[in-house]
């Protein structure tokens, strides 16, 4: 999901009360109290929910980390790649639910996209720093005309 105010910030849309429900259902089950069928279904999916929550949270942290590597002067070069990454993230914002069958495929697709984007950003930053900026610094120190001191 996106935060509405300020810059676009993605977050995992998962109600923390579900973890509370799971914990309480486990406690009630241990002491022998019958729990509702819907709580049993959620309890059976506990590991899956925790795994997906952690994976999605990790993906978003990685996304933010990678986006923060972009230099402001190269951002315009990366617009098509950033749009492609947003396209890869879009199913998580629009169509996937916590009970979808293709979350693993989605996560794999997003991880691959993030790895590709990060490598591209690293390469661009390397070119900018080691080939362009260093050469400009060396060029700025080069004396083109030697003027006499006493003129």
C-alpha atoms as a PDB file:
ATOM      1  CA  UNK A   1       0.000   0.000   0.000  1.00  0.00           C
ATOM      2  CA  UNK A   2       1.025   3.625  -0.400  1.00  0.00           C
ATOM      3  CA  UNK A   3       1.011   6.315   2.227  1.00  0.00           C
ATOM      4  CA  UNK A   4      -1.223   9.115   0.976  1.00  0.00           C
ATOM      5  CA  UNK A   5       0.636  12.160   2.271  1.00  0.00           C
ATOM      6  CA  UNK A   6       4.183  13.154   1.361  1.00  0.00           C
ATOM      7  CA  UNK A   7       6.461  11.227  -0.956  1.00  0.00           C
ATOM      8  CA  UNK A   8       5.358   7.811  -2.112  1.00  0.00           C
ATOM      9  CA  UNK A   9       6.119   5.371   0.679  1.00  0.00           C
ATOM     10  CA  UNK A  10       5.061   1.743   0.429  1.00  0.00           C
ATOM     11  CA  UNK A  11       4.126  -0.334   3.440  1.00  0.00           C
ATOM     12  CA  UNK A  12       2.850  -3.859   4.153  1.00  0.00           C
ATOM     13  CA  UNK A  13      -0.906  -3.773   4.669  1.00  0.00           C
ATOM     14  CA  UNK A  14      -1.249  -6.363   7.419  1.00  0.00           C
ATOM     15  CA  UNK A  15      -3.391  -5.902  10.496  1.00  0.00           C
ATOM     16  CA  UNK A  16      -1.262  -6.600  13.573  1.00  0.00           C
ATOM     17  CA  UNK A  17      -4.431  -7.745  15.340  1.00  0.00           C
ATOM     18  CA  UNK A  18      -4.159 -10.976  13.322  1.00  0.00           C
ATOM     19  CA  UNK A  19      -1.001 -11.836  15.247  1.00  0.00           C
ATOM     20  CA  UNK A  20      -2.932 -11.116  18.454  1.00  0.00           C
ATOM     21  CA  UNK A  21      -5.750 -13.376  17.244  1.00  0.00           C
ATOM     22  CA  UNK A  22      -3.254 -16.163  16.536  1.00  0.00           C
ATOM     23  CA  UNK A  23      -1.632 -15.813  19.953  1.00  0.00           C
ATOM     24  CA  UNK A  24      -5.004 -15.820  21.750  1.00  0.00           C
ATOM     25  CA  UNK A  25      -6.294 -18.758  19.688  1.00  0.00           C
ATOM     26  CA  UNK A  26      -3.184 -20.743  20.595  1.00  0.00           C
ATOM     27  CA  UNK A  27      -3.643 -19.980  24.298  1.00  0.00           C
ATOM     28  CA  UNK A  28      -7.348 -20.897  24.252  1.00  0.00           C
ATOM     29  CA  UNK A  29      -6.611 -24.088  22.343  1.00  0.00           C
ATOM     30  CA  UNK A  30      -3.921 -25.102  24.854  1.00  0.00           C
ATOM     31  CA  UNK A  31      -6.268 -24.790  27.796  1.00  0.00           C
ATOM     32  CA  UNK A  32      -8.919 -26.792  25.974  1.00  0.00           C
ATOM     33  CA  UNK A  33     -11.404 -24.068  25.047  1.00  0.00           C
ATOM     34  CA  UNK A  34     -13.040 -24.570  21.670  1.00  0.00           C
ATOM     35  CA  UNK A  35     -12.169 -21.778  19.228  1.00  0.00           C
ATOM     36  CA  UNK A  36     -14.270 -20.669  16.240  1.00  0.00           C
ATOM     37  CA  UNK A  37     -13.638 -22.278  12.859  1.00  0.00           C
ATOM     38  CA  UNK A  38     -12.409 -19.016  11.322  1.00  0.00           C
ATOM     39  CA  UNK A  39      -9.799 -18.676  14.084  1.00  0.00           C
ATOM     40  CA  UNK A  40      -8.688 -22.268  13.434  1.00  0.00           C
ATOM     41  CA  UNK A  41      -8.205 -21.444   9.743  1.00  0.00           C
ATOM     42  CA  UNK A  42      -6.092 -18.401  10.603  1.00  0.00           C
ATOM     43  CA  UNK A  43      -4.137 -20.461  13.134  1.00  0.00           C
ATOM     44  CA  UNK A  44      -3.344 -23.066  10.473  1.00  0.00           C
ATOM     45  CA  UNK A  45      -1.966 -20.332   8.219  1.00  0.00           C
ATOM     46  CA  UNK A  46       0.154 -18.674  10.893  1.00  0.00           C
ATOM     47  CA  UNK A  47       3.544 -19.628   9.424  1.00  0.00           C
ATOM     48  CA  UNK A  48       2.483 -18.599   5.926  1.00  0.00           C
ATOM     49  CA  UNK A  49       1.247 -15.191   7.126  1.00  0.00           C
ATOM     50  CA  UNK A  50       4.401 -14.546   9.157  1.00  0.00           C
ATOM     51  CA  UNK A  51       6.627 -15.626   6.275  1.00  0.00           C
ATOM     52  CA  UNK A  52       4.832 -13.419   3.729  1.00  0.00           C
ATOM     53  CA  UNK A  53       4.729 -10.464   6.107  1.00  0.00           C
ATOM     54  CA  UNK A  54       8.471 -10.707   6.767  1.00  0.00           C
ATOM     55  CA  UNK A  55       9.299 -11.207   3.079  1.00  0.00           C
ATOM     56  CA  UNK A  56       7.163  -8.260   1.978  1.00  0.00           C
ATOM     57  CA  UNK A  57       8.622  -6.082   4.712  1.00  0.00           C
ATOM     58  CA  UNK A  58      12.124  -7.059   3.578  1.00  0.00           C
ATOM     59  CA  UNK A  59      11.275  -6.302  -0.074  1.00  0.00           C
ATOM     60  CA  UNK A  60      10.085  -2.815   0.816  1.00  0.00           C
ATOM     61  CA  UNK A  61      13.168  -2.081   2.931  1.00  0.00           C
ATOM     62  CA  UNK A  62      15.350  -3.281   0.049  1.00  0.00           C
ATOM     63  CA  UNK A  63      13.367  -1.133  -2.388  1.00  0.00           C
ATOM     64  CA  UNK A  64      13.909   1.958  -0.225  1.00  0.00           C
ATOM     65  CA  UNK A  65      17.609   1.144   0.230  1.00  0.00           C
ATOM     66  CA  UNK A  66      18.141   0.739  -3.502  1.00  0.00           C
ATOM     67  CA  UNK A  67      16.154   3.860  -4.414  1.00  0.00           C
ATOM     68  CA  UNK A  68      18.231   5.881  -1.935  1.00  0.00           C
ATOM     69  CA  UNK A  69      21.392   4.902  -3.858  1.00  0.00           C
ATOM     70  CA  UNK A  70      20.211   6.904  -6.879  1.00  0.00           C
ATOM     71  CA  UNK A  71      22.133  10.124  -7.417  1.00  0.00           C
ATOM     72  CA  UNK A  72      19.865  13.094  -8.133  1.00  0.00           C
ATOM     73  CA  UNK A  73      21.697  13.917 -11.364  1.00  0.00           C
ATOM     74  CA  UNK A  74      21.119  10.397 -12.761  1.00  0.00           C
ATOM     75  CA  UNK A  75      17.494   9.978 -11.723  1.00  0.00           C
ATOM     76  CA  UNK A  76      16.188  11.005 -15.155  1.00  0.00           C
ATOM     77  CA  UNK A  77      18.245   8.206 -16.741  1.00  0.00           C
ATOM     78  CA  UNK A  78      16.554   5.664 -14.511  1.00  0.00           C
ATOM     79  CA  UNK A  79      12.923   6.720 -15.036  1.00  0.00           C
ATOM     80  CA  UNK A  80      12.067   3.762 -17.350  1.00  0.00           C
ATOM     81  CA  UNK A  81      13.695   1.319 -14.929  1.00  0.00           C
ATOM     82  CA  UNK A  82      11.916   2.826 -11.931  1.00  0.00           C
ATOM     83  CA  UNK A  83       8.605   2.590 -13.808  1.00  0.00           C
ATOM     84  CA  UNK A  84       9.389  -1.059 -14.590  1.00  0.00           C
ATOM     85  CA  UNK A  85      10.068  -1.692 -10.899  1.00  0.00           C
ATOM     86  CA  UNK A  86       6.785  -0.036  -9.961  1.00  0.00           C
ATOM     87  CA  UNK A  87       5.056  -2.236 -12.555  1.00  0.00           C
ATOM     88  CA  UNK A  88       6.583  -5.287 -10.841  1.00  0.00           C
ATOM     89  CA  UNK A  89       5.389  -4.040  -7.431  1.00  0.00           C
ATOM     90  CA  UNK A  90       1.883  -3.132  -8.663  1.00  0.00           C
ATOM     91  CA  UNK A  91       0.234  -6.584  -8.180  1.00  0.00           C
ATOM     92  CA  UNK A  92       1.102  -6.313  -4.485  1.00  0.00           C
ATOM     93  CA  UNK A  93      -0.648  -2.950  -4.368  1.00  0.00           C
ATOM     94  CA  UNK A  94      -3.742  -3.910  -6.361  1.00  0.00           C
ATOM     95  CA  UNK A  95      -4.550  -7.576  -6.856  1.00  0.00           C
ATOM     96  CA  UNK A  96      -2.732  -9.806  -4.369  1.00  0.00           C
ATOM     97  CA  UNK A  97      -4.342 -10.702  -1.076  1.00  0.00           C
ATOM     98  CA  UNK A  98      -2.982 -12.619   1.901  1.00  0.00           C
ATOM     99  CA  UNK A  99      -4.663 -15.775   0.637  1.00  0.00           C
ATOM    100  CA  UNK A 100      -3.484 -15.493  -2.990  1.00  0.00           C
ATOM    101  CA  UNK A 101      -1.784 -18.549  -4.404  1.00  0.00           C
ATOM    102  CA  UNK A 102       0.885 -16.685  -6.381  1.00  0.00           C
ATOM    103  CA  UNK A 103       2.573 -14.633  -3.652  1.00  0.00           C
ATOM    104  CA  UNK A 104       5.762 -16.715  -3.914  1.00  0.00           C
ATOM    105  CA  UNK A 105       6.000 -16.028  -7.652  1.00  0.00           C
ATOM    106  CA  UNK A 106       5.350 -12.348  -7.026  1.00  0.00           C
ATOM    107  CA  UNK A 107       8.095 -12.170  -4.388  1.00  0.00           C
ATOM    108  CA  UNK A 108      10.534 -13.954  -6.690  1.00  0.00           C
ATOM    109  CA  UNK A 109       9.692 -11.580  -9.556  1.00  0.00           C
ATOM    110  CA  UNK A 110      10.162  -8.515  -7.316  1.00  0.00           C
ATOM    111  CA  UNK A 111      13.460  -9.830  -5.870  1.00  0.00           C
ATOM    112  CA  UNK A 112      14.817 -10.321  -9.396  1.00  0.00           C
ATOM    113  CA  UNK A 113      13.694  -6.833 -10.399  1.00  0.00           C
ATOM    114  CA  UNK A 114      15.312  -5.285  -7.338  1.00  0.00           C
ATOM    115  CA  UNK A 115      18.588  -7.120  -7.978  1.00  0.00           C
ATOM    116  CA  UNK A 116      18.605  -5.950 -11.606  1.00  0.00           C
ATOM    117  CA  UNK A 117      17.804  -2.342 -10.616  1.00  0.00           C
ATOM    118  CA  UNK A 118      20.455  -2.317  -7.892  1.00  0.00           C
ATOM    119  CA  UNK A 119      23.123  -3.590 -10.279  1.00  0.00           C
ATOM    120  CA  UNK A 120      22.171  -0.929 -12.819  1.00  0.00           C
ATOM    121  CA  UNK A 121      22.360   1.828 -10.178  1.00  0.00           C
ATOM    122  CA  UNK A 122      25.745   0.548  -8.969  1.00  0.00           C
ATOM    123  CA  UNK A 123      27.058   0.553 -12.548  1.00  0.00           C
ATOM    124  CA  UNK A 124      25.762   4.067 -13.235  1.00  0.00           C
ATOM    125  CA  UNK A 125      27.176   5.401  -9.968  1.00  0.00           C
ATOM    126  CA  UNK A 126      30.526   3.746 -10.753  1.00  0.00           C
ATOM    127  CA  UNK A 127      30.627   5.299 -14.228  1.00  0.00           C
ATOM    128  CA  UNK A 128      29.716   8.716 -12.845  1.00  0.00           C
ATOM    129  CA  UNK A 129      32.305   8.596 -10.085  1.00  0.00           C
ATOM    130  CA  UNK A 130      35.240   6.811 -11.665  1.00  0.00           C
ATOM    131  CA  UNK A 131      34.974   7.812 -15.287  1.00  0.00           C
ATOM    132  CA  UNK A 132      33.281  11.195 -15.406  1.00  0.00           C
ATOM    133  CA  UNK A 133      33.863  12.984 -12.101  1.00  0.00           C
ATOM    134  CA  UNK A 134      37.464  11.820 -11.641  1.00  0.00           C
ATOM    135  CA  UNK A 135      38.313  12.828 -15.217  1.00  0.00           C
ATOM    136  CA  UNK A 136      36.686  16.225 -14.716  1.00  0.00           C
ATOM    137  CA  UNK A 137      38.700  16.745 -11.526  1.00  0.00           C
ATOM    138  CA  UNK A 138      41.922  15.795 -13.321  1.00  0.00           C
ATOM    139  CA  UNK A 139      41.031  18.067 -16.218  1.00  0.00           C
ATOM    140  CA  UNK A 140      40.292  20.973 -13.886  1.00  0.00           C
ATOM    141  CA  UNK A 141      43.816  20.712 -12.470  1.00  0.00           C
ATOM    142  CA  UNK A 142      45.434  20.774 -15.908  1.00  0.00           C
ATOM    143  CA  UNK A 143      47.156  24.017 -16.819  1.00  0.00           C
ATOM    144  CA  UNK A 144      46.135  25.013 -20.326  1.00  0.00           C
ATOM    145  CA  UNK A 145      47.977  28.344 -20.551  1.00  0.00           C
ATOM    146  CA  UNK A 146      50.979  29.324 -18.524  1.00  0.00           C
ATOM    147  CA  UNK A 147      50.775  33.079 -17.941  1.00  0.00           C
ATOM    148  CA  UNK A 148      53.810  35.057 -16.892  1.00  0.00           C
ATOM    149  CA  UNK A 149      53.882  36.104 -13.229  1.00  0.00           C
ATOM    150  CA  UNK A 150      55.207  39.673 -13.658  1.00  0.00           C
ATOM    151  CA  UNK A 151      52.750  40.955 -16.271  1.00  0.00           C
END
